[in-house]
Amino acid sequence: LLCNPPYIETQADLPPDVAHYEPSSALFAGPDGLDDYRRLIPEIGRLLAPGGLAAIEIGADQGEKVLALLAAEAMAGAVRRDLAGRDRAIIVTG
């Protein structure tokens, strides 16, 4: 399962080349940027086959917050960082 949900806080000030390139529904996910994760995470157990893997893109400061959402659903994940060392994805295995 591969997912790139919106993860930007609604009130975030984005550069025009970002804000005007994508529809707002592809960028913004509520006041803390986690609304789509709150909808997605409860479904992962149903969607992920045994032995399967989910790779979900996250914002640079969202690793611990998304791990907490997973833990609340009795799931665990691992944060993967990008080349700059920022949180970039969560990996969940089934």
N, C-alpha and C. Protein backbone atom coordinates (compact mmCIF):
# COMPACT_ATOMS: atom_id res chain seq x y z
N LEU A 1 0.86 -1.16 0.00
CA LEU A 1 0.00 0.00 0.00
C LEU A 1 0.91 1.22 0.00
N LEU A 2 0.72 2.10 -0.94
CA LEU A 2 1.52 3.32 -1.05
C LEU A 2 0.57 4.49 -0.99
N CYS A 3 0.87 5.47 -0.13
CA CYS A 3 -0.05 6.58 0.06
C CYS A 3 0.72 7.88 0.25
N ASN A 4 0.27 8.92 -0.42
CA ASN A 4 0.84 10.25 -0.30
C ASN A 4 -0.30 11.21 0.06
N PRO A 5 -0.79 11.13 1.30
CA PRO A 5 -1.93 11.97 1.68
C PRO A 5 -1.51 13.42 1.90
N PRO A 6 -2.46 14.33 1.86
CA PRO A 6 -2.15 15.71 2.24
C PRO A 6 -1.66 15.74 3.69
N TYR A 7 -0.66 16.58 3.98
CA TYR A 7 -0.14 16.62 5.34
C TYR A 7 0.24 18.02 5.81
N ILE A 8 -0.15 19.03 5.08
CA ILE A 8 0.20 20.40 5.44
C ILE A 8 -0.91 21.01 6.30
N GLU A 9 -0.50 21.73 7.33
CA GLU A 9 -1.46 22.42 8.20
C GLU A 9 -2.23 23.46 7.38
N THR A 10 -3.53 23.54 7.62
CA THR A 10 -4.39 24.43 6.84
C THR A 10 -3.90 25.87 6.84
N GLN A 11 -3.39 26.35 7.96
CA GLN A 11 -2.97 27.74 8.06
C GLN A 11 -1.53 27.97 7.58
N ALA A 12 -0.85 26.95 7.09
CA ALA A 12 0.54 27.08 6.65
C ALA A 12 0.65 28.09 5.51
N ASP A 13 1.69 28.88 5.56
CA ASP A 13 1.97 29.86 4.52
C ASP A 13 2.93 29.23 3.51
N LEU A 14 2.42 28.92 2.33
CA LEU A 14 3.22 28.25 1.32
C LEU A 14 3.70 29.22 0.26
N PRO A 15 4.85 28.95 -0.34
CA PRO A 15 5.29 29.78 -1.46
C PRO A 15 4.29 29.66 -2.62
N PRO A 16 4.12 30.72 -3.38
CA PRO A 16 3.14 30.70 -4.49
C PRO A 16 3.35 29.55 -5.47
N ASP A 17 4.61 29.17 -5.73
CA ASP A 17 4.84 28.09 -6.70
C ASP A 17 4.35 26.74 -6.19
N VAL A 18 4.12 26.62 -4.88
CA VAL A 18 3.53 25.40 -4.31
C VAL A 18 2.03 25.58 -4.17
N ALA A 19 1.62 26.67 -3.56
CA ALA A 19 0.20 26.90 -3.25
C ALA A 19 -0.67 26.96 -4.50
N HIS A 20 -0.13 27.45 -5.60
CA HIS A 20 -0.94 27.61 -6.81
C HIS A 20 -0.77 26.47 -7.80
N TYR A 21 0.08 25.51 -7.48
CA TYR A 21 0.33 24.40 -8.40
C TYR A 21 -0.61 23.23 -8.16
N GLU A 22 -0.94 22.96 -6.91
CA GLU A 22 -1.79 21.83 -6.55
C GLU A 22 -3.12 22.32 -6.00
N PRO A 23 -4.19 21.54 -6.16
CA PRO A 23 -5.45 21.90 -5.50
C PRO A 23 -5.27 21.82 -3.98
N SER A 24 -5.99 22.65 -3.25
CA SER A 24 -5.84 22.68 -1.80
C SER A 24 -6.13 21.32 -1.17
N SER A 25 -7.03 20.54 -1.76
CA SER A 25 -7.35 19.22 -1.20
C SER A 25 -6.17 18.25 -1.29
N ALA A 26 -5.20 18.53 -2.15
CA ALA A 26 -4.01 17.69 -2.27
C ALA A 26 -2.91 18.11 -1.31
N LEU A 27 -3.08 19.27 -0.67
CA LEU A 27 -2.04 19.81 0.20
C LEU A 27 -2.42 19.83 1.67
N PHE A 28 -3.61 20.34 1.96
CA PHE A 28 -3.97 20.67 3.34
C PHE A 28 -4.81 19.59 4.01
N ALA A 29 -4.49 19.34 5.30
CA ALA A 29 -5.17 18.28 6.04
C ALA A 29 -5.51 18.73 7.46
N GLY A 30 -6.23 19.82 7.57
CA GLY A 30 -6.71 20.28 8.86
C GLY A 30 -5.69 21.12 9.62
N PRO A 31 -6.08 21.59 10.80
CA PRO A 31 -5.25 22.51 11.58
C PRO A 31 -3.87 21.97 11.94
N ASP A 32 -3.75 20.64 12.13
CA ASP A 32 -2.45 20.07 12.48
C ASP A 32 -1.85 19.23 11.36
N GLY A 33 -2.52 19.18 10.20
CA GLY A 33 -2.02 18.43 9.06
C GLY A 33 -2.20 16.92 9.17
N LEU A 34 -2.98 16.46 10.15
CA LEU A 34 -3.11 15.02 10.39
C LEU A 34 -4.50 14.45 10.10
N ASP A 35 -5.42 15.27 9.61
CA ASP A 35 -6.79 14.80 9.40
C ASP A 35 -6.86 13.55 8.52
N ASP A 36 -6.11 13.52 7.43
CA ASP A 36 -6.18 12.36 6.53
C ASP A 36 -5.57 11.11 7.17
N TYR A 37 -4.57 11.28 8.02
CA TYR A 37 -3.99 10.13 8.74
C TYR A 37 -5.01 9.55 9.72
N ARG A 38 -5.79 10.43 10.34
CA ARG A 38 -6.82 9.95 11.27
C ARG A 38 -7.88 9.12 10.55
N ARG A 39 -8.12 9.40 9.29
CA ARG A 39 -9.07 8.59 8.50
C ARG A 39 -8.41 7.33 7.95
N LEU A 40 -7.17 7.44 7.54
CA LEU A 40 -6.47 6.33 6.90
C LEU A 40 -6.04 5.23 7.88
N ILE A 41 -5.45 5.61 8.98
CA ILE A 41 -4.84 4.64 9.89
C ILE A 41 -5.81 3.58 10.39
N PRO A 42 -7.04 3.91 10.78
CA PRO A 42 -7.95 2.84 11.20
C PRO A 42 -8.27 1.82 10.10
N GLU A 43 -8.05 2.17 8.84
CA GLU A 43 -8.33 1.27 7.72
C GLU A 43 -7.14 0.41 7.32
N ILE A 44 -5.95 0.74 7.78
CA ILE A 44 -4.76 0.03 7.33
C ILE A 44 -4.84 -1.46 7.64
N GLY A 45 -5.27 -1.82 8.83
CA GLY A 45 -5.36 -3.23 9.20
C GLY A 45 -6.24 -4.03 8.25
N ARG A 46 -7.30 -3.42 7.78
CA ARG A 46 -8.21 -4.09 6.84
C ARG A 46 -7.61 -4.15 5.44
N LEU A 47 -6.87 -3.12 5.05
CA LEU A 47 -6.35 -3.03 3.69
C LEU A 47 -5.04 -3.79 3.48
N LEU A 48 -4.27 -3.94 4.54
CA LEU A 48 -2.94 -4.52 4.41
C LEU A 48 -3.00 -6.04 4.54
N ALA A 49 -2.52 -6.74 3.53
CA ALA A 49 -2.48 -8.20 3.55
C ALA A 49 -1.43 -8.68 4.55
N PRO A 50 -1.60 -9.89 5.09
CA PRO A 50 -0.55 -10.44 5.96
C PRO A 50 0.79 -10.45 5.22
N GLY A 51 1.81 -9.94 5.88
CA GLY A 51 3.12 -9.84 5.25
C GLY A 51 3.26 -8.63 4.34
N GLY A 52 2.18 -7.85 4.21
CA GLY A 52 2.20 -6.68 3.34
C GLY A 52 2.91 -5.50 3.99
N LEU A 53 3.02 -4.43 3.23
CA LEU A 53 3.73 -3.25 3.69
C LEU A 53 2.96 -2.01 3.25
N ALA A 54 2.89 -1.04 4.13
CA ALA A 54 2.32 0.26 3.79
C ALA A 54 3.42 1.30 3.93
N ALA A 55 3.61 2.12 2.93
CA ALA A 55 4.55 3.24 2.96
C ALA A 55 3.72 4.50 2.79
N ILE A 56 3.75 5.35 3.80
CA ILE A 56 2.89 6.53 3.83
C ILE A 56 3.76 7.77 4.01
N GLU A 57 3.68 8.70 3.07
CA GLU A 57 4.45 9.93 3.19
C GLU A 57 3.92 10.77 4.34
N ILE A 58 4.83 11.44 5.04
CA ILE A 58 4.47 12.32 6.16
C ILE A 58 5.25 13.62 6.03
N GLY A 59 4.81 14.62 6.79
CA GLY A 59 5.52 15.88 6.85
C GLY A 59 6.78 15.77 7.70
N ALA A 60 7.68 16.72 7.54
CA ALA A 60 9.01 16.68 8.16
C ALA A 60 8.99 16.63 9.68
N ASP A 61 7.91 17.05 10.31
CA ASP A 61 7.86 17.05 11.78
C ASP A 61 6.72 16.18 12.31
N GLN A 62 6.25 15.24 11.51
CA GLN A 62 5.06 14.47 11.89
C GLN A 62 5.32 13.03 12.30
N GLY A 63 6.56 12.59 12.30
CA GLY A 63 6.85 11.18 12.59
C GLY A 63 6.28 10.70 13.91
N GLU A 64 6.59 11.37 15.00
CA GLU A 64 6.12 10.93 16.32
C GLU A 64 4.60 11.02 16.42
N LYS A 65 4.00 12.02 15.82
CA LYS A 65 2.55 12.19 15.88
C LYS A 65 1.83 11.06 15.14
N VAL A 66 2.35 10.69 13.97
CA VAL A 66 1.72 9.61 13.21
C VAL A 66 1.97 8.26 13.89
N LEU A 67 3.14 8.07 14.47
CA LEU A 67 3.39 6.84 15.25
C LEU A 67 2.40 6.73 16.40
N ALA A 68 2.07 7.85 17.04
CA ALA A 68 1.10 7.83 18.14
C ALA A 68 -0.29 7.46 17.63
N LEU A 69 -0.67 7.94 16.44
CA LEU A 69 -1.96 7.56 15.86
C LEU A 69 -1.98 6.06 15.56
N LEU A 70 -0.88 5.52 15.07
CA LEU A 70 -0.80 4.08 14.84
C LEU A 70 -0.92 3.31 16.15
N ALA A 71 -0.21 3.75 17.17
CA ALA A 71 -0.25 3.07 18.47
C ALA A 71 -1.66 3.05 19.05
N ALA A 72 -2.42 4.11 18.82
CA ALA A 72 -3.80 4.17 19.31
C ALA A 72 -4.68 3.12 18.64
N GLU A 73 -4.24 2.61 17.49
CA GLU A 73 -4.97 1.56 16.77
C GLU A 73 -4.27 0.21 16.93
N ALA A 74 -3.38 0.10 17.92
CA ALA A 74 -2.63 -1.14 18.20
C ALA A 74 -1.76 -1.56 17.02
N MET A 75 -1.18 -0.58 16.33
CA MET A 75 -0.26 -0.83 15.24
C MET A 75 1.05 -0.12 15.53
N ALA A 76 2.09 -0.56 14.86
CA ALA A 76 3.39 0.08 15.00
C ALA A 76 3.93 0.40 13.62
N GLY A 77 4.81 1.35 13.58
CA GLY A 77 5.44 1.73 12.33
C GLY A 77 6.85 2.19 12.59
N ALA A 78 7.56 2.47 11.53
CA ALA A 78 8.93 2.97 11.62
C ALA A 78 9.04 4.21 10.75
N VAL A 79 9.67 5.24 11.29
CA VAL A 79 9.87 6.47 10.53
C VAL A 79 11.09 6.29 9.63
N ARG A 80 10.96 6.71 8.40
CA ARG A 80 12.08 6.75 7.46
C ARG A 80 12.35 8.22 7.15
N ARG A 81 13.62 8.57 7.13
CA ARG A 81 14.00 9.96 6.90
C ARG A 81 14.51 10.15 5.48
N ASP A 82 14.39 11.38 4.98
CA ASP A 82 14.90 11.69 3.65
C ASP A 82 16.40 11.99 3.72
N LEU A 83 16.99 12.37 2.60
CA LEU A 83 18.43 12.61 2.56
C LEU A 83 18.86 13.79 3.41
N ALA A 84 17.94 14.68 3.73
CA ALA A 84 18.24 15.82 4.59
C ALA A 84 18.05 15.48 6.07
N GLY A 85 17.64 14.24 6.37
CA GLY A 85 17.46 13.81 7.75
C GLY A 85 16.11 14.15 8.34
N ARG A 86 15.17 14.60 7.52
CA ARG A 86 13.82 14.94 8.01
C ARG A 86 12.89 13.74 7.86
N ASP A 87 11.93 13.64 8.80
CA ASP A 87 10.91 12.60 8.68
C ASP A 87 10.28 12.71 7.29
N ARG A 88 10.10 11.56 6.59
CA ARG A 88 9.51 11.62 5.26
C ARG A 88 8.47 10.54 5.01
N ALA A 89 8.57 9.41 5.71
CA ALA A 89 7.60 8.32 5.49
C ALA A 89 7.48 7.48 6.75
N ILE A 90 6.35 6.82 6.85
CA ILE A 90 6.10 5.82 7.89
C ILE A 90 5.93 4.48 7.17
N ILE A 91 6.61 3.47 7.67
CA ILE A 91 6.48 2.12 7.12
C ILE A 91 5.73 1.27 8.15
N VAL A 92 4.66 0.64 7.70
CA VAL A 92 3.85 -0.25 8.54
C VAL A 92 3.85 -1.61 7.87
N THR A 93 4.08 -2.67 8.63
CA THR A 93 4.04 -4.02 8.05
C THR A 93 2.88 -4.80 8.63
N GLY A 94 2.34 -5.70 7.80
CA GLY A 94 1.18 -6.49 8.20
C GLY A 94 1.56 -7.86 8.66
